[in-house]
Amino acid sequence: QVQLVESGGGLVQAGGSLRLSCAASGRTFSNYAMGWFRQAPGKEREFVSTINWSGRPQHVADSVKGRFTISIDAKNTMYLQMDSLKPEDTAVYYCALRRGSIAAMTVEYDYWGQGTQVTVSS
C-alpha cells in the first residue's frame, strides 16, 4: 500500500502564497506520477497539476498556469507552490499517486491523500 500525507494548507489573503507538501511512503514503484487535485464545496474534484517521479514531464491546469508550480524531490515528496492566490482557489487540495505516466483525470489515480484545506480571503 501507499500512504500519502498532505500538509501546508491554511488561510491566506488574496495575492498571498502557500506551499503544499505531499509525502509518499510505503510501497514503491519504478515508474509513477503524482498529482494535485482540488475540490470546492458543491463542485467536482478538479485537476490542478501532475508530475512524473523524475520531475519531467509535468502538466498544469490552465486555471493556475503561471501562478502554481509543481515539483518533486528524491524522497518522494511532491510540492505545490501557490502564488498570487485568488478566492476562487479556495478548496480542499488532494494529492494522488498512480503507476505510469502523468495524468489529469481522477479515475486514473490509484492512491489518494486525506486532503488539506486552502482558504483564500478577499
N, C-alpha and C. Protein backbone atom coordinates (compact mmCIF):
# COMPACT_ATOMS: atom_id res chain seq x y z
N GLN A 1 0.82 -1.20 0.00
CA GLN A 1 0.00 0.00 0.00
C GLN A 1 0.86 1.25 0.00
N VAL A 2 0.28 2.33 -0.44
CA VAL A 2 0.93 3.63 -0.48
C VAL A 2 0.18 4.58 0.44
N GLN A 3 0.92 5.31 1.24
CA GLN A 3 0.32 6.33 2.10
C GLN A 3 0.76 7.71 1.60
N LEU A 4 -0.21 8.61 1.52
CA LEU A 4 0.06 9.97 1.08
C LEU A 4 -0.45 10.92 2.17
N VAL A 5 0.42 11.83 2.59
CA VAL A 5 0.06 12.77 3.65
C VAL A 5 0.34 14.19 3.16
N GLU A 6 -0.73 14.98 3.07
CA GLU A 6 -0.60 16.38 2.65
C GLU A 6 -0.40 17.28 3.86
N SER A 7 0.25 18.41 3.62
CA SER A 7 0.40 19.42 4.66
C SER A 7 0.61 20.77 3.98
N GLY A 8 0.47 21.84 4.75
CA GLY A 8 0.76 23.17 4.24
C GLY A 8 -0.44 24.03 3.94
N GLY A 9 -1.63 23.50 4.08
CA GLY A 9 -2.82 24.29 3.83
C GLY A 9 -3.02 25.34 4.92
N GLY A 10 -3.98 26.24 4.68
CA GLY A 10 -4.27 27.27 5.67
C GLY A 10 -5.08 28.40 5.09
N LEU A 11 -5.14 29.48 5.84
CA LEU A 11 -5.88 30.68 5.45
C LEU A 11 -4.89 31.75 5.00
N VAL A 12 -5.16 32.34 3.85
CA VAL A 12 -4.27 33.37 3.31
C VAL A 12 -5.11 34.42 2.60
N GLN A 13 -4.61 35.63 2.57
CA GLN A 13 -5.31 36.69 1.85
C GLN A 13 -5.06 36.60 0.35
N ALA A 14 -5.97 37.12 -0.42
CA ALA A 14 -5.80 37.14 -1.87
C ALA A 14 -4.48 37.82 -2.22
N GLY A 15 -3.77 37.22 -3.17
CA GLY A 15 -2.46 37.72 -3.57
C GLY A 15 -1.32 37.07 -2.82
N GLY A 16 -1.65 36.32 -1.78
CA GLY A 16 -0.63 35.67 -0.97
C GLY A 16 -0.18 34.34 -1.55
N SER A 17 0.67 33.64 -0.79
CA SER A 17 1.25 32.38 -1.24
C SER A 17 1.14 31.31 -0.17
N LEU A 18 1.09 30.07 -0.63
CA LEU A 18 1.16 28.90 0.23
C LEU A 18 1.95 27.84 -0.49
N ARG A 19 2.56 26.95 0.28
CA ARG A 19 3.27 25.81 -0.30
C ARG A 19 2.73 24.53 0.32
N LEU A 20 2.16 23.70 -0.52
CA LEU A 20 1.64 22.41 -0.08
C LEU A 20 2.70 21.34 -0.28
N SER A 21 2.69 20.36 0.63
CA SER A 21 3.58 19.21 0.52
C SER A 21 2.76 17.94 0.55
N CYS A 22 3.26 16.92 -0.11
CA CYS A 22 2.64 15.60 -0.08
C CYS A 22 3.75 14.57 0.03
N ALA A 23 3.81 13.90 1.18
CA ALA A 23 4.83 12.89 1.42
C ALA A 23 4.27 11.51 1.12
N ALA A 24 4.96 10.77 0.27
CA ALA A 24 4.55 9.42 -0.09
C ALA A 24 5.42 8.40 0.65
N SER A 25 4.78 7.35 1.16
CA SER A 25 5.52 6.29 1.85
C SER A 25 4.85 4.96 1.58
N GLY A 26 5.54 3.88 1.95
CA GLY A 26 5.00 2.55 1.75
C GLY A 26 5.56 1.91 0.50
N ARG A 27 4.70 1.25 -0.24
CA ARG A 27 5.12 0.54 -1.45
C ARG A 27 5.71 1.52 -2.46
N THR A 28 6.75 1.09 -3.15
CA THR A 28 7.38 1.95 -4.15
C THR A 28 7.22 1.34 -5.54
N PHE A 29 7.29 2.18 -6.55
CA PHE A 29 7.17 1.76 -7.94
C PHE A 29 8.34 2.33 -8.72
N SER A 30 8.74 1.63 -9.78
CA SER A 30 9.86 2.11 -10.58
C SER A 30 9.44 3.29 -11.46
N ASN A 31 8.19 3.36 -11.83
CA ASN A 31 7.70 4.46 -12.66
C ASN A 31 6.34 4.89 -12.14
N TYR A 32 6.25 6.13 -11.70
CA TYR A 32 4.99 6.61 -11.16
C TYR A 32 4.87 8.11 -11.38
N ALA A 33 3.67 8.60 -11.22
CA ALA A 33 3.40 10.02 -11.31
C ALA A 33 2.54 10.43 -10.12
N MET A 34 2.65 11.68 -9.77
CA MET A 34 1.84 12.23 -8.69
C MET A 34 1.09 13.45 -9.19
N GLY A 35 0.00 13.74 -8.53
CA GLY A 35 -0.81 14.87 -8.99
C GLY A 35 -1.48 15.59 -7.84
N TRP A 36 -1.87 16.82 -8.11
CA TRP A 36 -2.67 17.62 -7.20
C TRP A 36 -4.05 17.85 -7.82
N PHE A 37 -5.06 17.68 -7.00
CA PHE A 37 -6.44 17.96 -7.38
C PHE A 37 -7.05 18.83 -6.29
N ARG A 38 -8.16 19.47 -6.60
CA ARG A 38 -8.84 20.26 -5.59
C ARG A 38 -10.34 20.13 -5.74
N GLN A 39 -11.02 20.33 -4.63
CA GLN A 39 -12.48 20.23 -4.63
C GLN A 39 -13.06 21.33 -3.77
N ALA A 40 -13.82 22.21 -4.40
CA ALA A 40 -14.51 23.28 -3.70
C ALA A 40 -15.89 22.79 -3.29
N PRO A 41 -16.50 23.42 -2.28
CA PRO A 41 -17.83 22.98 -1.84
C PRO A 41 -18.83 22.99 -2.98
N GLY A 42 -19.55 21.88 -3.13
CA GLY A 42 -20.57 21.79 -4.15
C GLY A 42 -20.06 21.56 -5.56
N LYS A 43 -18.76 21.38 -5.71
CA LYS A 43 -18.18 21.17 -7.04
C LYS A 43 -17.47 19.83 -7.11
N GLU A 44 -17.23 19.39 -8.33
CA GLU A 44 -16.50 18.14 -8.53
C GLU A 44 -15.00 18.37 -8.30
N ARG A 45 -14.33 17.29 -7.99
CA ARG A 45 -12.89 17.36 -7.83
C ARG A 45 -12.26 17.66 -9.19
N GLU A 46 -11.35 18.62 -9.23
CA GLU A 46 -10.75 19.02 -10.50
C GLU A 46 -9.23 18.94 -10.46
N PHE A 47 -8.68 18.72 -11.63
CA PHE A 47 -7.24 18.60 -11.80
C PHE A 47 -6.55 19.95 -11.61
N VAL A 48 -5.38 19.91 -10.94
CA VAL A 48 -4.56 21.11 -10.77
C VAL A 48 -3.22 20.95 -11.48
N SER A 49 -2.50 19.87 -11.15
CA SER A 49 -1.19 19.70 -11.74
C SER A 49 -0.71 18.27 -11.53
N THR A 50 0.22 17.81 -12.38
CA THR A 50 0.76 16.46 -12.26
C THR A 50 2.22 16.47 -12.66
N ILE A 51 2.98 15.51 -12.11
CA ILE A 51 4.41 15.46 -12.36
C ILE A 51 4.89 14.02 -12.33
N ASN A 52 5.83 13.69 -13.20
CA ASN A 52 6.46 12.39 -13.21
C ASN A 52 7.46 12.28 -12.06
N TRP A 53 7.75 11.07 -11.60
CA TRP A 53 8.64 10.89 -10.44
C TRP A 53 10.01 11.53 -10.66
N SER A 54 10.44 11.64 -11.91
CA SER A 54 11.75 12.20 -12.21
C SER A 54 11.72 13.74 -12.29
N GLY A 55 10.55 14.32 -12.24
CA GLY A 55 10.43 15.78 -12.36
C GLY A 55 9.95 16.25 -13.72
N ARG A 56 10.09 15.39 -14.72
CA ARG A 56 9.61 15.70 -16.07
C ARG A 56 9.03 14.45 -16.68
N PRO A 57 7.93 14.51 -17.44
CA PRO A 57 7.21 15.74 -17.74
C PRO A 57 6.29 16.16 -16.59
N GLN A 58 5.68 17.32 -16.77
CA GLN A 58 4.70 17.82 -15.84
C GLN A 58 3.66 18.63 -16.61
N HIS A 59 2.53 18.81 -15.98
CA HIS A 59 1.42 19.48 -16.65
C HIS A 59 0.64 20.28 -15.61
N VAL A 60 0.20 21.47 -16.00
CA VAL A 60 -0.52 22.35 -15.09
C VAL A 60 -1.82 22.78 -15.73
N ALA A 61 -2.89 22.82 -14.97
CA ALA A 61 -4.18 23.26 -15.48
C ALA A 61 -4.11 24.73 -15.89
N ASP A 62 -4.86 25.08 -16.92
CA ASP A 62 -4.86 26.46 -17.40
C ASP A 62 -5.28 27.45 -16.32
N SER A 63 -6.16 27.02 -15.43
CA SER A 63 -6.69 27.92 -14.41
C SER A 63 -5.63 28.38 -13.40
N VAL A 64 -4.54 27.64 -13.30
CA VAL A 64 -3.49 28.00 -12.34
C VAL A 64 -2.14 28.21 -13.00
N LYS A 65 -2.08 28.11 -14.31
CA LYS A 65 -0.82 28.25 -15.03
C LYS A 65 -0.23 29.65 -14.79
N GLY A 66 1.06 29.68 -14.50
CA GLY A 66 1.72 30.95 -14.22
C GLY A 66 1.64 31.36 -12.76
N ARG A 67 0.79 30.68 -11.98
CA ARG A 67 0.66 31.01 -10.55
C ARG A 67 1.10 29.84 -9.66
N PHE A 68 0.85 28.61 -10.09
CA PHE A 68 1.18 27.42 -9.31
C PHE A 68 2.36 26.70 -9.97
N THR A 69 3.26 26.17 -9.13
CA THR A 69 4.40 25.42 -9.63
C THR A 69 4.50 24.09 -8.89
N ILE A 70 4.59 23.02 -9.65
CA ILE A 70 4.70 21.68 -9.06
C ILE A 70 6.15 21.24 -9.09
N SER A 71 6.55 20.47 -8.08
CA SER A 71 7.90 19.91 -8.05
C SER A 71 7.89 18.64 -7.22
N ILE A 72 8.99 17.89 -7.29
CA ILE A 72 9.10 16.64 -6.55
C ILE A 72 10.56 16.45 -6.19
N ASP A 73 10.83 15.86 -5.02
CA ASP A 73 12.21 15.64 -4.62
C ASP A 73 12.55 14.15 -4.60
N ALA A 74 13.78 13.86 -4.27
CA ALA A 74 14.27 12.48 -4.32
C ALA A 74 13.70 11.61 -3.20
N LYS A 75 13.04 12.22 -2.25
CA LYS A 75 12.46 11.47 -1.13
C LYS A 75 10.96 11.24 -1.34
N ASN A 76 10.53 11.32 -2.62
CA ASN A 76 9.12 11.05 -2.95
C ASN A 76 8.16 12.04 -2.30
N THR A 77 8.61 13.25 -2.09
CA THR A 77 7.74 14.30 -1.60
C THR A 77 7.45 15.28 -2.73
N MET A 78 6.16 15.53 -2.95
CA MET A 78 5.73 16.43 -4.01
C MET A 78 5.30 17.75 -3.37
N TYR A 79 5.52 18.83 -4.10
CA TYR A 79 5.17 20.15 -3.60
C TYR A 79 4.29 20.89 -4.61
N LEU A 80 3.52 21.83 -4.08
CA LEU A 80 2.77 22.74 -4.94
C LEU A 80 2.95 24.14 -4.38
N GLN A 81 3.75 24.93 -5.07
CA GLN A 81 3.95 26.33 -4.70
C GLN A 81 2.82 27.13 -5.33
N MET A 82 2.03 27.78 -4.49
CA MET A 82 0.87 28.52 -4.97
C MET A 82 1.09 30.01 -4.69
N ASP A 83 1.22 30.78 -5.74
CA ASP A 83 1.42 32.22 -5.63
C ASP A 83 0.22 32.97 -6.23
N SER A 84 0.13 34.24 -5.92
CA SER A 84 -0.95 35.09 -6.44
C SER A 84 -2.31 34.42 -6.25
N LEU A 85 -2.54 33.92 -5.06
CA LEU A 85 -3.77 33.18 -4.78
C LEU A 85 -5.00 34.05 -4.91
N LYS A 86 -6.08 33.42 -5.37
CA LYS A 86 -7.35 34.11 -5.57
C LYS A 86 -8.42 33.42 -4.73
N PRO A 87 -9.49 34.12 -4.38
CA PRO A 87 -10.56 33.48 -3.62
C PRO A 87 -11.10 32.23 -4.30
N GLU A 88 -11.11 32.19 -5.60
CA GLU A 88 -11.61 31.01 -6.32
C GLU A 88 -10.67 29.81 -6.22
N ASP A 89 -9.49 29.99 -5.62
CA ASP A 89 -8.60 28.86 -5.36
C ASP A 89 -8.97 28.14 -4.07
N THR A 90 -9.92 28.68 -3.32
CA THR A 90 -10.36 28.06 -2.08
C THR A 90 -10.94 26.68 -2.35
N ALA A 91 -10.40 25.67 -1.67
CA ALA A 91 -10.82 24.28 -1.88
C ALA A 91 -10.04 23.38 -0.93
N VAL A 92 -10.45 22.13 -0.88
CA VAL A 92 -9.62 21.10 -0.27
C VAL A 92 -8.71 20.56 -1.36
N TYR A 93 -7.43 20.55 -1.09
CA TYR A 93 -6.44 20.10 -2.06
C TYR A 93 -6.00 18.68 -1.70
N TYR A 94 -6.05 17.81 -2.70
CA TYR A 94 -5.69 16.42 -2.53
C TYR A 94 -4.48 16.07 -3.38
N CYS A 95 -3.61 15.24 -2.84
CA CYS A 95 -2.54 14.69 -3.67
C CYS A 95 -2.90 13.24 -3.99
N ALA A 96 -2.35 12.78 -5.10
CA ALA A 96 -2.66 11.44 -5.58
C ALA A 96 -1.44 10.86 -6.27
N LEU A 97 -1.42 9.53 -6.37
CA LEU A 97 -0.30 8.83 -6.99
C LEU A 97 -0.84 7.73 -7.89
N ARG A 98 -0.17 7.52 -9.02
CA ARG A 98 -0.56 6.46 -9.94
C ARG A 98 0.69 5.81 -10.51
N ARG A 99 0.57 4.55 -10.87
CA ARG A 99 1.64 3.87 -11.58
C ARG A 99 1.57 4.29 -13.05
N GLY A 100 2.73 4.61 -13.62
CA GLY A 100 2.75 5.03 -15.01
C GLY A 100 3.01 6.51 -15.16
N SER A 101 2.58 7.06 -16.29
CA SER A 101 2.91 8.43 -16.66
C SER A 101 1.91 9.42 -16.07
N ILE A 102 2.18 10.70 -16.30
CA ILE A 102 1.32 11.74 -15.75
C ILE A 102 -0.09 11.62 -16.33
N ALA A 103 -1.05 12.09 -15.56
CA ALA A 103 -2.45 12.00 -15.97
C ALA A 103 -3.23 13.11 -15.29
N ALA A 104 -4.38 13.47 -15.91
CA ALA A 104 -5.15 14.61 -15.41
C ALA A 104 -6.56 14.23 -14.96
N MET A 105 -6.88 12.96 -14.94
CA MET A 105 -8.22 12.55 -14.54
C MET A 105 -8.18 11.80 -13.23
N THR A 106 -9.13 12.07 -12.36
CA THR A 106 -9.16 11.46 -11.04
C THR A 106 -9.21 9.93 -11.12
N VAL A 107 -9.93 9.39 -12.09
CA VAL A 107 -10.10 7.94 -12.18
C VAL A 107 -8.81 7.23 -12.52
N GLU A 108 -7.82 7.97 -12.98
CA GLU A 108 -6.55 7.35 -13.37
C GLU A 108 -5.59 7.18 -12.20
N TYR A 109 -5.96 7.68 -11.03
CA TYR A 109 -5.07 7.61 -9.88
C TYR A 109 -5.50 6.49 -8.93
N ASP A 110 -4.49 5.82 -8.38
CA ASP A 110 -4.72 4.66 -7.53
C ASP A 110 -4.77 4.99 -6.04
N TYR A 111 -4.03 5.99 -5.63
CA TYR A 111 -3.90 6.31 -4.22
C TYR A 111 -4.16 7.80 -3.99
N TRP A 112 -4.78 8.09 -2.84
CA TRP A 112 -5.16 9.47 -2.51
C TRP A 112 -4.80 9.80 -1.07
N GLY A 113 -4.46 11.08 -0.85
CA GLY A 113 -4.28 11.57 0.49
C GLY A 113 -5.61 12.01 1.08
N GLN A 114 -5.56 12.50 2.31
CA GLN A 114 -6.79 12.87 3.02
C GLN A 114 -7.22 14.29 2.72
N GLY A 115 -6.35 15.08 2.12
CA GLY A 115 -6.70 16.45 1.74
C GLY A 115 -6.27 17.48 2.76
N THR A 116 -6.03 18.69 2.28
CA THR A 116 -5.68 19.81 3.14
C THR A 116 -6.45 21.05 2.66
N GLN A 117 -7.02 21.78 3.60
CA GLN A 117 -7.87 22.91 3.26
C GLN A 117 -7.04 24.14 2.94
N VAL A 118 -7.38 24.79 1.84
CA VAL A 118 -6.80 26.07 1.47
C VAL A 118 -7.95 27.07 1.36
N THR A 119 -7.85 28.15 2.12
CA THR A 119 -8.88 29.18 2.10
C THR A 119 -8.22 30.52 1.77
N VAL A 120 -8.73 31.17 0.72
CA VAL A 120 -8.19 32.46 0.29
C VAL A 120 -9.27 33.51 0.51
N SER A 121 -8.97 34.47 1.36
CA SER A 121 -9.93 35.52 1.68
C SER A 121 -9.72 36.72 0.75
N SER A 122 -10.83 37.40 0.46
CA SER A 122 -10.75 38.55 -0.46
C SER A 122 -10.48 39.84 0.28
